[in-house]
PDB file of N, CA and C in Angstrom:
ATOM      1  N   MET A   1     121.435  57.550 124.123  1.00  0.00           N
ATOM      2  CA  MET A   1     121.019  58.984 124.030  1.00  0.00           C
ATOM      3  C   MET A   1     119.385  57.723 124.219  1.00  0.00           C
ATOM      4  N   SER A   2     118.875  58.367 125.585  1.00  0.00           N
ATOM      5  CA  SER A   2     117.626  57.461 125.555  1.00  0.00           C
ATOM      6  C   SER A   2     115.886  57.490 124.791  1.00  0.00           C
ATOM      7  N   ARG A   3     115.286  57.014 125.108  1.00  0.00           N
ATOM      8  CA  ARG A   3     114.002  56.957 124.546  1.00  0.00           C
ATOM      9  C   ARG A   3     113.533  58.813 124.299  1.00  0.00           C
ATOM     10  N   GLU A   4     112.837  58.878 123.608  1.00  0.00           N
ATOM     11  CA  GLU A   4     112.485  60.205 122.470  1.00  0.00           C
ATOM     12  C   GLU A   4     111.043  60.240 122.729  1.00  0.00           C
ATOM     13  N   ILE A   5     110.550  61.439 123.605  1.00  0.00           N
ATOM     14  CA  ILE A   5     109.019  61.787 123.433  1.00  0.00           C
ATOM     15  C   ILE A   5     108.365  62.757 122.746  1.00  0.00           C
ATOM     16  N   GLU A   6     107.761  62.445 121.851  1.00  0.00           N
ATOM     17  CA  GLU A   6     107.278  63.388 120.892  1.00  0.00           C
ATOM     18  C   GLU A   6     105.897  64.370 121.802  1.00  0.00           C
ATOM     19  N   VAL A   7     105.714  65.394 121.680  1.00  0.00           N
ATOM     20  CA  VAL A   7     105.121  66.325 122.480  1.00  0.00           C
ATOM     21  C   VAL A   7     104.403  67.417 120.906  1.00  0.00           C
ATOM     22  N   PRO A   8     103.510  66.592 120.641  1.00  0.00           N
ATOM     23  CA  PRO A   8     102.813  67.891 119.546  1.00  0.00           C
ATOM     24  C   PRO A   8     102.369  68.952 120.034  1.00  0.00           C
ATOM     25  N   LYS A   9     102.669  70.181 119.169  1.00  0.00           N
ATOM     26  CA  LYS A   9     102.642  71.474 119.610  1.00  0.00           C
ATOM     27  C   LYS A   9     101.316  72.206 120.304  1.00  0.00           C
ATOM     28  N   ASP A  10     100.148  71.712 119.773  1.00  0.00           N
ATOM     29  CA  ASP A  10      98.642  72.208 120.250  1.00  0.00           C
ATOM     30  C   ASP A  10      98.603  72.086 121.643  1.00  0.00           C
ATOM     31  N   VAL A  11      99.695  70.795 122.338  1.00  0.00           N
ATOM     32  CA  VAL A  11      99.668  70.148 123.530  1.00  0.00           C
ATOM     33  C   VAL A  11     100.232  71.349 124.492  1.00  0.00           C
ATOM     34  N   ARG A  12     101.649  71.450 123.482  1.00  0.00           N
ATOM     35  CA  ARG A  12     102.713  72.382 124.752  1.00  0.00           C
ATOM     36  C   ARG A  12     103.060  73.263 123.650  1.00  0.00           C
ATOM     37  N   PRO A  13     102.394  74.302 123.123  1.00  0.00           N
ATOM     38  CA  PRO A  13     102.755  75.323 122.046  1.00  0.00           C
ATOM     39  C   PRO A  13     104.115  76.543 122.547  1.00  0.00           C
ATOM     40  N   ILE A  14     104.580  76.411 124.129  1.00  0.00           N
ATOM     41  CA  ILE A  14     105.064  77.273 124.164  1.00  0.00           C
ATOM     42  C   ILE A  14     106.341  76.619 124.684  1.00  0.00           C
ATOM     43  N   MET A  15     107.797  77.339 124.231  1.00  0.00           N
ATOM     44  CA  MET A  15     109.064  76.734 124.591  1.00  0.00           C
ATOM     45  C   MET A  15     109.243  76.769 126.093  1.00  0.00           C
ATOM     46  N   LEU A  16     110.197  75.857 126.806  1.00  0.00           N
ATOM     47  CA  LEU A  16     110.195  76.165 127.876  1.00  0.00           C
ATOM     48  C   LEU A  16     111.168  77.454 128.178  1.00  0.00           C
ATOM     49  N   ASP A  17     110.933  78.259 129.762  1.00  0.00           N
ATOM     50  CA  ASP A  17     111.594  78.818 129.731  1.00  0.00           C
ATOM     51  C   ASP A  17     113.225  78.795 130.618  1.00  0.00           C
ATOM     52  N   GLY A  18     114.270  79.424 129.947  1.00  0.00           N
ATOM     53  CA  GLY A  18     115.039  79.259 130.247  1.00  0.00           C
ATOM     54  C   GLY A  18     115.993  78.101 129.270  1.00  0.00           C
ATOM     55  N   ALA A  19     115.247  77.225 127.942  1.00  0.00           N
ATOM     56  CA  ALA A  19     115.759  77.082 126.957  1.00  0.00           C
ATOM     57  C   ALA A  19     116.346  77.273 126.213  1.00  0.00           C
ATOM     58  N   GLU A  20     117.549  77.129 125.920  1.00  0.00           N
ATOM     59  CA  GLU A  20     118.758  77.649 124.448  1.00  0.00           C
ATOM     60  C   GLU A  20     118.543  77.475 123.339  1.00  0.00           C
ATOM     61  N   GLU A  21     118.589  78.237 122.817  1.00  0.00           N
ATOM     62  CA  GLU A  21     118.569  77.420 121.350  1.00  0.00           C
ATOM     63  C   GLU A  21     120.203  77.173 121.013  1.00  0.00           C
ATOM     64  N   THR A  22     120.348  75.988 120.360  1.00  0.00           N
ATOM     65  CA  THR A  22     121.940  75.405 120.155  1.00  0.00           C
ATOM     66  C   THR A  22     121.878  74.753 118.460  1.00  0.00           C
ATOM     67  N   LEU A  23     122.939  74.728 118.535  1.00  0.00           N
ATOM     68  CA  LEU A  23     123.139  73.929 116.575  1.00  0.00           C
ATOM     69  C   LEU A  23     123.867  72.575 117.456  1.00  0.00           C
ATOM     70  N   LEU A  24     124.333  72.551 118.374  1.00  0.00           N
ATOM     71  CA  LEU A  24     124.941  70.612 118.899  1.00  0.00           C
ATOM     72  C   LEU A  24     123.458  70.075 119.622  1.00  0.00           C
ATOM     73  N   GLY A  25     123.876  68.833 118.292  1.00  0.00           N
ATOM     74  CA  GLY A  25     123.209  67.867 118.157  1.00  0.00           C
ATOM     75  C   GLY A  25     122.881  67.818 116.863  1.00  0.00           C
ATOM     76  N   ASP A  26     122.351  66.506 116.589  1.00  0.00           N
ATOM     77  CA  ASP A  26     121.479  66.082 115.293  1.00  0.00           C
ATOM     78  C   ASP A  26     120.457  66.849 115.441  1.00  0.00           C
ATOM     79  N   PRO A  27     120.484  67.400 114.043  1.00  0.00           N
ATOM     80  CA  PRO A  27     118.794  68.439 113.871  1.00  0.00           C
ATOM     81  C   PRO A  27     117.879  66.996 113.331  1.00  0.00           C
ATOM     82  N   MET A  28     118.248  66.018 112.893  1.00  0.00           N
ATOM     83  CA  MET A  28     117.527  65.086 112.443  1.00  0.00           C
ATOM     84  C   MET A  28     116.238  65.394 111.409  1.00  0.00           C
ATOM     85  N   GLY A  29     116.333  66.867 110.787  1.00  0.00           N
ATOM     86  CA  GLY A  29     115.341  67.111 110.119  1.00  0.00           C
ATOM     87  C   GLY A  29     114.289  68.765 110.640  1.00  0.00           C
ATOM     88  N   ALA A  30     114.894  68.664 112.274  1.00  0.00           N
ATOM     89  CA  ALA A  30     114.253  69.730 113.012  1.00  0.00           C
ATOM     90  C   ALA A  30     114.268  71.398 112.343  1.00  0.00           C
ATOM     91  N   LYS A  31     113.456  72.011 112.704  1.00  0.00           N
ATOM     92  CA  LYS A  31     113.652  73.226 111.930  1.00  0.00           C
ATOM     93  C   LYS A  31     114.993  74.348 113.268  1.00  0.00           C
ATOM     94  N   LYS A  32     114.403  73.515 114.339  1.00  0.00           N
ATOM     95  CA  LYS A  32     115.419  74.045 115.417  1.00  0.00           C
ATOM     96  C   LYS A  32     115.678  73.186 116.574  1.00  0.00           C
ATOM     97  N   GLN A  33     116.841  73.250 117.667  1.00  0.00           N
ATOM     98  CA  GLN A  33     116.960  72.838 118.918  1.00  0.00           C
ATOM     99  C   GLN A  33     117.102  73.523 119.826  1.00  0.00           C
ATOM    100  N   TYR A  34     117.068  73.055 121.108  1.00  0.00           N
ATOM    101  CA  TYR A  34     117.190  73.933 122.043  1.00  0.00           C
ATOM    102  C   TYR A  34     117.714  72.763 123.113  1.00  0.00           C
ATOM    103  N   ARG A  35     118.546  73.256 124.400  1.00  0.00           N
ATOM    104  CA  ARG A  35     118.583  72.690 125.612  1.00  0.00           C
ATOM    105  C   ARG A  35     118.436  73.493 126.381  1.00  0.00           C
ATOM    106  N   TYR A  36     118.369  72.520 127.572  1.00  0.00           N
ATOM    107  CA  TYR A  36     117.937  72.802 129.019  1.00  0.00           C
ATOM    108  C   TYR A  36     118.277  71.874 129.677  1.00  0.00           C
ATOM    109  N   GLY A  37     119.193  72.734 130.229  1.00  0.00           N
ATOM    110  CA  GLY A  37     120.450  71.642 131.157  1.00  0.00           C
ATOM    111  C   GLY A  37     120.363  70.239 130.143  1.00  0.00           C
ATOM    112  N   ASN A  38     120.445  69.008 130.645  1.00  0.00           N
ATOM    113  CA  ASN A  38     120.851  67.743 129.347  1.00  0.00           C
ATOM    114  C   ASN A  38     119.439  67.509 128.824  1.00  0.00           C
ATOM    115  N   LEU A  39     118.310  68.440 128.625  1.00  0.00           N
ATOM    116  CA  LEU A  39     117.363  68.036 128.306  1.00  0.00           C
ATOM    117  C   LEU A  39     117.674  68.864 126.362  1.00  0.00           C
ATOM    118  N   HIS A  40     117.133  68.025 125.771  1.00  0.00           N
ATOM    119  CA  HIS A  40     117.718  68.345 124.068  1.00  0.00           C
ATOM    120  C   HIS A  40     116.371  68.244 123.513  1.00  0.00           C
ATOM    121  N   ILE A  41     115.758  69.324 122.995  1.00  0.00           N
ATOM    122  CA  ILE A  41     114.460  69.572 122.790  1.00  0.00           C
ATOM    123  C   ILE A  41     114.972  70.160 121.007  1.00  0.00           C
ATOM    124  N   ARG A  42     114.423  69.317 120.247  1.00  0.00           N
ATOM    125  CA  ARG A  42     113.773  69.429 118.518  1.00  0.00           C
ATOM    126  C   ARG A  42     112.741  69.861 118.196  1.00  0.00           C
ATOM    127  N   GLU A  43     112.884  71.020 117.305  1.00  0.00           N
ATOM    128  CA  GLU A  43     111.134  71.458 117.354  1.00  0.00           C
ATOM    129  C   GLU A  43     111.279  71.298 115.625  1.00  0.00           C
ATOM    130  N   TYR A  44     110.062  70.526 115.347  1.00  0.00           N
ATOM    131  CA  TYR A  44     109.643  70.722 114.526  1.00  0.00           C
ATOM    132  C   TYR A  44     108.238  71.446 114.019  1.00  0.00           C
ATOM    133  N   GLU A  45     107.635  71.277 112.735  1.00  0.00           N
ATOM    134  CA  GLU A  45     106.570  71.952 112.326  1.00  0.00           C
ATOM    135  C   GLU A  45     105.322  71.717 113.492  1.00  0.00           C
ATOM    136  N   ASP A  46     105.254  70.912 113.661  1.00  0.00           N
ATOM    137  CA  ASP A  46     103.968  70.066 114.500  1.00  0.00           C
ATOM    138  C   ASP A  46     104.431  70.055 115.941  1.00  0.00           C
ATOM    139  N   LYS A  47     105.140  69.603 116.661  1.00  0.00           N
ATOM    140  CA  LYS A  47     105.924  68.700 117.438  1.00  0.00           C
ATOM    141  C   LYS A  47     107.162  69.519 118.009  1.00  0.00           C
ATOM    142  N   TYR A  48     107.524  68.983 118.774  1.00  0.00           N
ATOM    143  CA  TYR A  48     108.321  68.823 119.614  1.00  0.00           C
ATOM    144  C   TYR A  48     109.234  67.231 120.108  1.00  0.00           C
ATOM    145  N   VAL A  49     109.899  66.761 119.673  1.00  0.00           N
ATOM    146  CA  VAL A  49     110.876  65.692 120.236  1.00  0.00           C
ATOM    147  C   VAL A  49     111.662  65.903 121.605  1.00  0.00           C
ATOM    148  N   VAL A  50     111.613  64.697 122.584  1.00  0.00           N
ATOM    149  CA  VAL A  50     112.434  65.747 123.437  1.00  0.00           C
ATOM    150  C   VAL A  50     112.883  64.307 124.281  1.00  0.00           C
ATOM    151  N   HIS A  51     114.293  64.579 124.440  1.00  0.00           N
ATOM    152  CA  HIS A  51     115.024  63.160 125.278  1.00  0.00           C
ATOM    153  C   HIS A  51     116.230  64.150 126.037  1.00  0.00           C
ATOM    154  N   VAL A  52     116.502  63.255 126.633  1.00  0.00           N
ATOM    155  CA  VAL A  52     117.556  63.267 127.904  1.00  0.00           C
ATOM    156  C   VAL A  52     118.749  62.792 128.022  1.00  0.00           C
ATOM    157  N   ASP A  53     119.935  64.000 127.775  1.00  0.00           N
ATOM    158  CA  ASP A  53     121.444  63.205 127.599  1.00  0.00           C
ATOM    159  C   ASP A  53     121.799  62.838 128.785  1.00  0.00           C
ATOM    160  N   ARG A  54     122.535  61.823 128.898  1.00  0.00           N
ATOM    161  CA  ARG A  54     123.314  61.868 130.007  1.00  0.00           C
ATOM    162  C   ARG A  54     124.531  62.744 130.308  1.00  0.00           C
ATOM    163  N   ALA A  55     124.869  63.976 129.681  1.00  0.00           N
ATOM    164  CA  ALA A  55     125.836  64.653 129.751  1.00  0.00           C
ATOM    165  C   ALA A  55     125.324  65.611 128.768  1.00  0.00           C
ATOM    166  N   ASP A  56     125.728  66.915 129.401  1.00  0.00           N
ATOM    167  CA  ASP A  56     124.988  68.332 128.848  1.00  0.00           C
ATOM    168  C   ASP A  56     126.672  68.524 127.863  1.00  0.00           C
ATOM    169  N   PRO A  57     126.389  68.714 126.485  1.00  0.00           N
ATOM    170  CA  PRO A  57     127.888  68.988 125.689  1.00  0.00           C
ATOM    171  C   PRO A  57     127.801  70.401 125.507  1.00  0.00           C
ATOM    172  N   ARG A  58     127.312  71.350 126.240  1.00  0.00           N
ATOM    173  CA  ARG A  58     127.916  72.555 126.305  1.00  0.00           C
ATOM    174  C   ARG A  58     128.545  72.409 127.490  1.00  0.00           C
ATOM    175  N   LYS A  59     128.625  71.840 128.472  1.00  0.00           N
ATOM    176  CA  LYS A  59     129.570  71.631 129.983  1.00  0.00           C
ATOM    177  C   LYS A  59     130.583  70.686 129.579  1.00  0.00           C
ATOM    178  N   ASP A  60     130.380  69.654 128.988  1.00  0.00           N
ATOM    179  CA  ASP A  60     131.417  68.093 128.837  1.00  0.00           C
ATOM    180  C   ASP A  60     131.201  67.935 127.755  1.00  0.00           C
ATOM    181  N   PRO A  61     131.724  68.737 126.814  1.00  0.00           N
ATOM    182  CA  PRO A  61     131.390  67.805 125.380  1.00  0.00           C
ATOM    183  C   PRO A  61     131.975  66.518 125.097  1.00  0.00           C
ATOM    184  N   PHE A  62     133.472  66.287 126.162  1.00  0.00           N
ATOM    185  CA  PHE A  62     133.767  64.892 125.681  1.00  0.00           C
ATOM    186  C   PHE A  62     132.846  63.590 126.279  1.00  0.00           C
ATOM    187  N   MET A  63     132.357  64.092 127.151  1.00  0.00           N
ATOM    188  CA  MET A  63     131.671  63.012 128.006  1.00  0.00           C
ATOM    189  C   MET A  63     130.374  62.740 127.034  1.00  0.00           C
ATOM    190  N   HIS A  64     129.926  63.679 126.652  1.00  0.00           N
ATOM    191  CA  HIS A  64     128.552  63.771 125.914  1.00  0.00           C
ATOM    192  C   HIS A  64     128.775  62.854 124.774  1.00  0.00           C
ATOM    193  N   ILE A  65     129.763  63.089 124.201  1.00  0.00           N
ATOM    194  CA  ILE A  65     130.164  62.129 123.205  1.00  0.00           C
ATOM    195  C   ILE A  65     130.358  60.454 123.355  1.00  0.00           C
ATOM    196  N   MET A  66     131.202  60.382 124.409  1.00  0.00           N
ATOM    197  CA  MET A  66     131.337  58.955 125.167  1.00  0.00           C
ATOM    198  C   MET A  66     129.945  58.593 125.514  1.00  0.00           C
ATOM    199  N   LEU A  67     129.320  59.048 125.816  1.00  0.00           N
ATOM    200  CA  LEU A  67     128.166  58.526 126.778  1.00  0.00           C
ATOM    201  C   LEU A  67     126.568  58.584 126.096  1.00  0.00           C
ATOM    202  N   ASP A  68     126.728  59.745 125.298  1.00  0.00           N
ATOM    203  CA  ASP A  68     125.175  60.039 124.149  1.00  0.00           C
ATOM    204  C   ASP A  68     125.414  60.215 122.989  1.00  0.00           C
ATOM    205  N   ALA A  69     126.769  59.858 122.104  1.00  0.00           N
ATOM    206  CA  ALA A  69     126.882  60.150 120.842  1.00  0.00           C
ATOM    207  C   ALA A  69     128.111  59.569 120.432  1.00  0.00           C
ATOM    208  N   PRO A  70     128.553  57.940 121.150  1.00  0.00           N
ATOM    209  CA  PRO A  70     129.680  57.030 120.678  1.00  0.00           C
ATOM    210  C   PRO A  70     129.786  57.159 118.675  1.00  0.00           C
ATOM    211  N   GLU A  71     128.611  57.156 118.180  1.00  0.00           N
ATOM    212  CA  GLU A  71     128.668  56.971 116.774  1.00  0.00           C
ATOM    213  C   GLU A  71     129.694  58.097 116.110  1.00  0.00           C
ATOM    214  N   LEU A  72     129.658  59.239 117.009  1.00  0.00           N
ATOM    215  CA  LEU A  72     130.620  59.942 116.392  1.00  0.00           C
ATOM    216  C   LEU A  72     132.403  59.813 116.439  1.00  0.00           C
ATOM    217  N   ILE A  73     132.564  58.739 117.361  1.00  0.00           N
ATOM    218  CA  ILE A  73     133.849  58.649 117.465  1.00  0.00           C
ATOM    219  C   ILE A  73     134.064  57.344 115.996  1.00  0.00           C
ATOM    220  N   PHE A  74     133.052  56.185 116.089  1.00  0.00           N
ATOM    221  CA  PHE A  74     133.350  55.239 114.991  1.00  0.00           C
ATOM    222  C   PHE A  74     133.201  56.343 113.900  1.00  0.00           C
ATOM    223  N   ALA A  75     132.665  57.195 113.363  1.00  0.00           N
ATOM    224  CA  ALA A  75     132.683  57.816 112.210  1.00  0.00           C
ATOM    225  C   ALA A  75     133.787  58.502 112.024  1.00  0.00           C
ATOM    226  N   SER A  76     134.266  59.235 113.033  1.00  0.00           N
ATOM    227  CA  SER A  76     135.593  59.811 112.939  1.00  0.00           C
ATOM    228  C   SER A  76     136.684  59.011 112.740  1.00  0.00           C
ATOM    229  N   ALA A  77     136.689  57.353 113.319  1.00  0.00           N
ATOM    230  CA  ALA A  77     138.097  56.582 113.129  1.00  0.00           C
ATOM    231  C   ALA A  77     137.982  56.105 112.124  1.00  0.00           C
ATOM    232  N   PHE A  78     136.812  55.692 111.331  1.00  0.00           N
ATOM    233  CA  PHE A  78     136.626  54.741 110.301  1.00  0.00           C
ATOM    234  C   PHE A  78     136.827  56.043 108.889  1.00  0.00           C
ATOM    235  N   GLY A  79     136.585  56.966 109.158  1.00  0.00           N
ATOM    236  CA  GLY A  79     136.815  58.049 108.275  1.00  0.00           C
ATOM    237  C   GLY A  79     137.755  58.793 108.234  1.00  0.00           C
ATOM    238  N   VAL A  80     138.787  58.914 109.000  1.00  0.00           N
ATOM    239  CA  VAL A  80     140.404  59.417 109.115  1.00  0.00           C
ATOM    240  C   VAL A  80     141.099  57.861 108.584  1.00  0.00           C
ATOM    241  N   SER A  81     140.766  56.937 109.140  1.00  0.00           N
ATOM    242  CA  SER A  81     141.877  55.785 108.629  1.00  0.00           C
ATOM    243  C   SER A  81     141.293  55.529 107.021  1.00  0.00           C
ATOM    244  N   ALA A  82     140.191  55.808 106.563  1.00  0.00           N
ATOM    245  CA  ALA A  82     139.866  55.506 105.324  1.00  0.00           C
ATOM    246  C   ALA A  82     140.517  56.583 104.373  1.00  0.00           C
ATOM    247  N   GLY A  83     140.719  57.878 104.676  1.00  0.00           N
ATOM    248  CA  GLY A  83     141.191  59.365 103.867  1.00  0.00           C
ATOM    249  C   GLY A  83     142.869  59.061 104.195  1.00  0.00           C
ATOM    250  N   VAL A  84     143.256  58.416 104.980  1.00  0.00           N
ATOM    251  CA  VAL A  84     144.900  58.405 105.003  1.00  0.00           C
ATOM    252  C   VAL A  84     145.246  57.412 104.303  1.00  0.00           C
ATOM    253  N   LYS A  85     144.821  56.029 104.247  1.00  0.00           N
ATOM    254  CA  LYS A  85     144.894  54.881 103.495  1.00  0.00           C
ATOM    255  C   LYS A  85     144.483  55.444 101.755  1.00  0.00           C
ATOM    256  N   THR A  86     143.107  56.108 101.807  1.00  0.00           N
ATOM    257  CA  THR A  86     143.227  56.455 100.052  1.00  0.00           C
ATOM    258  C   THR A  86     144.120  57.739  99.504  1.00  0.00           C
ATOM    259  N   GLY A  87     144.656  58.296 100.787  1.00  0.00           N
ATOM    260  CA  GLY A  87     145.616  59.610 100.362  1.00  0.00           C
ATOM    261  C   GLY A  87     146.694  58.845 100.035  1.00  0.00           C
ATOM    262  N   SER A  88     147.262  57.577 100.799  1.00  0.00           N
ATOM    263  CA  SER A  88     148.499  57.568 100.585  1.00  0.00           C
ATOM    264  C   SER A  88     148.708  56.388  99.286  1.00  0.00           C
ATOM    265  N   LYS A  89     147.475  56.012  98.859  1.00  0.00           N
ATOM    266  CA  LYS A  89     147.586  55.358  97.657  1.00  0.00           C
ATOM    267  C   LYS A  89     147.506  56.365  96.362  1.00  0.00           C
ATOM    268  N   VAL A  90     146.890  57.431  96.514  1.00  0.00           N
ATOM    269  CA  VAL A  90     146.749  58.364  95.358  1.00  0.00           C
ATOM    270  C   VAL A  90     147.834  59.140  95.115  1.00  0.00           C
ATOM    271  N   TYR A  91     148.807  59.022  96.384  1.00  0.00           N
ATOM    272  CA  TYR A  91     149.995  59.400  96.525  1.00  0.00           C
ATOM    273  C   TYR A  91     151.122  58.874  95.923  1.00  0.00           C
ATOM    274  N   LYS A  92     151.475  57.531  96.521  1.00  0.00           N
ATOM    275  CA  LYS A  92     151.951  56.568  95.414  1.00  0.00           C
ATOM    276  C   LYS A  92     151.730  56.467  94.375  1.00  0.00           C
ATOM    277  N   ALA A  93     150.275  56.657  93.760  1.00  0.00           N
ATOM    278  CA  ALA A  93     150.369  56.262  92.292  1.00  0.00           C
ATOM    279  C   ALA A  93     150.618  57.639  91.247  1.00  0.00           C
ATOM    280  N   THR A  94     150.602  58.899  91.858  1.00  0.00           N
ATOM    281  CA  THR A  94     150.589  60.004  91.011  1.00  0.00           C
ATOM    282  C   THR A  94     151.418  60.877  91.453  1.00  0.00           C
ATOM    283  N   THR A  95     152.168  60.831  92.676  1.00  0.00           N
ATOM    284  CA  THR A  95     153.282  61.703  93.383  1.00  0.00           C
ATOM    285  C   THR A  95     152.776  63.233  93.274  1.00  0.00           C
ATOM    286  N   SER A  96     151.198  63.258  93.341  1.00  0.00           N
ATOM    287  CA  SER A  96     150.396  64.578  93.486  1.00  0.00           C
ATOM    288  C   SER A  96     150.061  64.961  95.012  1.00  0.00           C
ATOM    289  N   LYS A  97     150.626  65.582  95.943  1.00  0.00           N
ATOM    290  CA  LYS A  97     150.125  65.946  96.955  1.00  0.00           C
ATOM    291  C   LYS A  97     148.933  66.448  96.883  1.00  0.00           C
ATOM    292  N   SER A  98     148.499  67.537  95.897  1.00  0.00           N
ATOM    293  CA  SER A  98     147.327  67.947  96.251  1.00  0.00           C
ATOM    294  C   SER A  98     146.119  67.172  95.681  1.00  0.00           C
ATOM    295  N   ASN A  99     146.470  65.942  94.883  1.00  0.00           N
ATOM    296  CA  ASN A  99     145.832  64.864  94.663  1.00  0.00           C
ATOM    297  C   ASN A  99     145.426  64.186  95.458  1.00  0.00           C
ATOM    298  N   ALA A 100     146.294  63.639  96.083  1.00  0.00           N
ATOM    299  CA  ALA A 100     146.302  63.083  97.459  1.00  0.00           C
ATOM    300  C   ALA A 100     145.672  63.709  98.858  1.00  0.00           C
ATOM    301  N   ILE A 101     145.662  64.909  99.001  1.00  0.00           N
ATOM    302  CA  ILE A 101     144.986  65.494 100.187  1.00  0.00           C
ATOM    303  C   ILE A 101     143.432  65.787  99.310  1.00  0.00           C
ATOM    304  N   ILE A 102     143.414  65.739  98.515  1.00  0.00           N
ATOM    305  CA  ILE A 102     142.270  65.604  97.956  1.00  0.00           C
ATOM    306  C   ILE A 102     141.051  64.809  97.967  1.00  0.00           C
ATOM    307  N   ALA A 103     141.619  63.659  96.932  1.00  0.00           N
ATOM    308  CA  ALA A 103     140.864  62.128  97.762  1.00  0.00           C
ATOM    309  C   ALA A 103     141.277  61.682  98.984  1.00  0.00           C
ATOM    310  N   GLY A 104     141.909  62.306  99.901  1.00  0.00           N
ATOM    311  CA  GLY A 104     141.666  61.522 101.072  1.00  0.00           C
ATOM    312  C   GLY A 104     140.670  62.298 101.977  1.00  0.00           C
ATOM    313  N   THR A 105     140.807  63.582 101.503  1.00  0.00           N
ATOM    314  CA  THR A 105     139.530  64.580 102.441  1.00  0.00           C
ATOM    315  C   THR A 105     138.115  63.615 101.661  1.00  0.00           C
ATOM    316  N   LEU A 106     138.067  63.689 101.102  1.00  0.00           N
ATOM    317  CA  LEU A 106     136.760  63.381 100.481  1.00  0.00           C
ATOM    318  C   LEU A 106     136.548  61.636 100.361  1.00  0.00           C
ATOM    319  N   THR A 107     137.836  61.163 100.420  1.00  0.00           N
ATOM    320  CA  THR A 107     137.044  59.317 101.091  1.00  0.00           C
ATOM    321  C   THR A 107     136.764  59.711 102.819  1.00  0.00           C
ATOM    322  N   SER A 108     137.309  60.833 103.676  1.00  0.00           N
ATOM    323  CA  SER A 108     137.249  60.857 105.081  1.00  0.00           C
ATOM    324  C   SER A 108     135.444  60.698 105.282  1.00  0.00           C
ATOM    325  N   ILE A 109     135.458  62.236 104.218  1.00  0.00           N
ATOM    326  CA  ILE A 109     134.294  62.189 104.853  1.00  0.00           C
ATOM    327  C   ILE A 109     133.138  61.541 104.046  1.00  0.00           C
ATOM    328  N   ALA A 110     133.158  61.136 103.199  1.00  0.00           N
ATOM    329  CA  ALA A 110     132.386  59.731 102.546  1.00  0.00           C
ATOM    330  C   ALA A 110     132.026  58.521 103.369  1.00  0.00           C
ATOM    331  N   THR A 111     133.206  58.196 103.705  1.00  0.00           N
ATOM    332  CA  THR A 111     132.989  56.854 104.927  1.00  0.00           C
ATOM    333  C   THR A 111     132.746  57.578 106.275  1.00  0.00           C
ATOM    334  N   GLY A 112     133.396  58.662 106.445  1.00  0.00           N
ATOM    335  CA  GLY A 112     132.947  59.167 108.599  1.00  0.00           C
ATOM    336  C   GLY A 112     131.321  59.419 108.157  1.00  0.00           C
ATOM    337  N   TYR A 113     130.856  59.979 107.414  1.00  0.00           N
ATOM    338  CA  TYR A 113     129.596  60.118 106.943  1.00  0.00           C
ATOM    339  C   TYR A 113     128.296  58.789 106.722  1.00  0.00           C
ATOM    340  N   MET A 114     128.802  58.045 106.123  1.00  0.00           N
ATOM    341  CA  MET A 114     128.185  56.521 106.136  1.00  0.00           C
ATOM    342  C   MET A 114     128.566  55.816 107.564  1.00  0.00           C
ATOM    343  N   VAL A 115     129.240  55.602 108.155  1.00  0.00           N
ATOM    344  CA  VAL A 115     129.706  55.295 108.994  1.00  0.00           C
ATOM    345  C   VAL A 115     128.824  55.687 110.138  1.00  0.00           C
ATOM    346  N   TYR A 116     128.988  57.001 110.109  1.00  0.00           N
ATOM    347  CA  TYR A 116     127.911  57.577 110.928  1.00  0.00           C
ATOM    348  C   TYR A 116     126.453  57.087 111.103  1.00  0.00           C
ATOM    349  N   LEU A 117     125.890  57.459 109.865  1.00  0.00           N
ATOM    350  CA  LEU A 117     124.415  57.018 109.406  1.00  0.00           C
ATOM    351  C   LEU A 117     124.056  55.504 109.430  1.00  0.00           C
ATOM    352  N   LEU A 118     124.928  54.592 109.879  1.00  0.00           N
ATOM    353  CA  LEU A 118     124.881  53.203 109.996  1.00  0.00           C
ATOM    354  C   LEU A 118     124.909  53.226 111.014  1.00  0.00           C
ATOM    355  N   SER A 119     125.934  53.594 111.976  1.00  0.00           N
ATOM    356  CA  SER A 119     126.161  53.652 113.377  1.00  0.00           C
ATOM    357  C   SER A 119     124.668  54.214 114.130  1.00  0.00           C
ATOM    358  N   ARG A 120     124.237  55.383 114.026  1.00  0.00           N
ATOM    359  CA  ARG A 120     122.850  55.980 114.114  1.00  0.00           C
ATOM    360  C   ARG A 120     121.592  54.917 113.863  1.00  0.00           C
ATOM    361  N   TYR A 121     121.438  54.108 112.630  1.00  0.00           N
ATOM    362  CA  TYR A 121     120.431  53.028 112.156  1.00  0.00           C
ATOM    363  C   TYR A 121     120.575  51.986 113.840  1.00  0.00           C
ATOM    364  N   ILE A 122     121.931  51.628 113.619  1.00  0.00           N
ATOM    365  CA  ILE A 122     122.180  50.573 114.870  1.00  0.00           C
ATOM    366  C   ILE A 122     121.840  50.850 116.251  1.00  0.00           C
ATOM    367  N   LYS A 123     122.315  52.219 116.461  1.00  0.00           N
ATOM    368  CA  LYS A 123     121.633  52.622 118.091  1.00  0.00           C
ATOM    369  C   LYS A 123     120.045  52.557 118.229  1.00  0.00           C
ATOM    370  N   ASP A 124     119.712  53.544 117.146  1.00  0.00           N
ATOM    371  CA  ASP A 124     118.087  53.825 117.323  1.00  0.00           C
ATOM    372  C   ASP A 124     117.790  53.084 117.039  1.00  0.00           C
ATOM    373  N   ARG A 125     117.669  52.086 116.156  1.00  0.00           N
ATOM    374  CA  ARG A 125     116.565  50.480 115.795  1.00  0.00           C
ATOM    375  C   ARG A 125     116.405  49.605 116.583  1.00  0.00           C
ATOM    376  N   LEU A 126     118.235  49.257 116.027  1.00  0.00           N
ATOM    377  CA  LEU A 126     118.501  47.914 116.990  1.00  0.00           C
ATOM    378  C   LEU A 126     118.973  47.787 118.608  1.00  0.00           C
ATOM    379  N   ILE A 127     119.318  48.816 118.760  1.00  0.00           N
ATOM    380  CA  ILE A 127     119.850  49.055 120.243  1.00  0.00           C
ATOM    381  C   ILE A 127     118.495  49.801 121.145  1.00  0.00           C
ATOM    382  N   GLY A 128     117.873  50.491 120.927  1.00  0.00           N
ATOM    383  CA  GLY A 128     117.293  51.190 121.566  1.00  0.00           C
ATOM    384  C   GLY A 128     117.245  52.481 122.192  1.00  0.00           C
TER     385      GLY A 128
END
């Protein structure tokens, strides 16, 4: 992700014509998100936060993940790996498929989310 620009609503109170509201992207506390080509706009109470993605996720989701959101790759890989390992250990210990699936799923979600947060922190604050 490129650097973000904050635009106070009192400077630019009207949204761009043609921008489409979207659920794609991390809202980061925004009440709404919009996309206009590669432009990603997050709307907050008092401001817009805008950045340009290298790839439009609506047209090329794979390239968007690779170029603009690689933290999703790390989070998914670590989450799946941790979930499979946990599920396997639980199954060996209890021979209960349902317990193994539940434990693996919960571990996968928790690990994936923690890795996502950590990689976002590294990407946004340390790499820039």
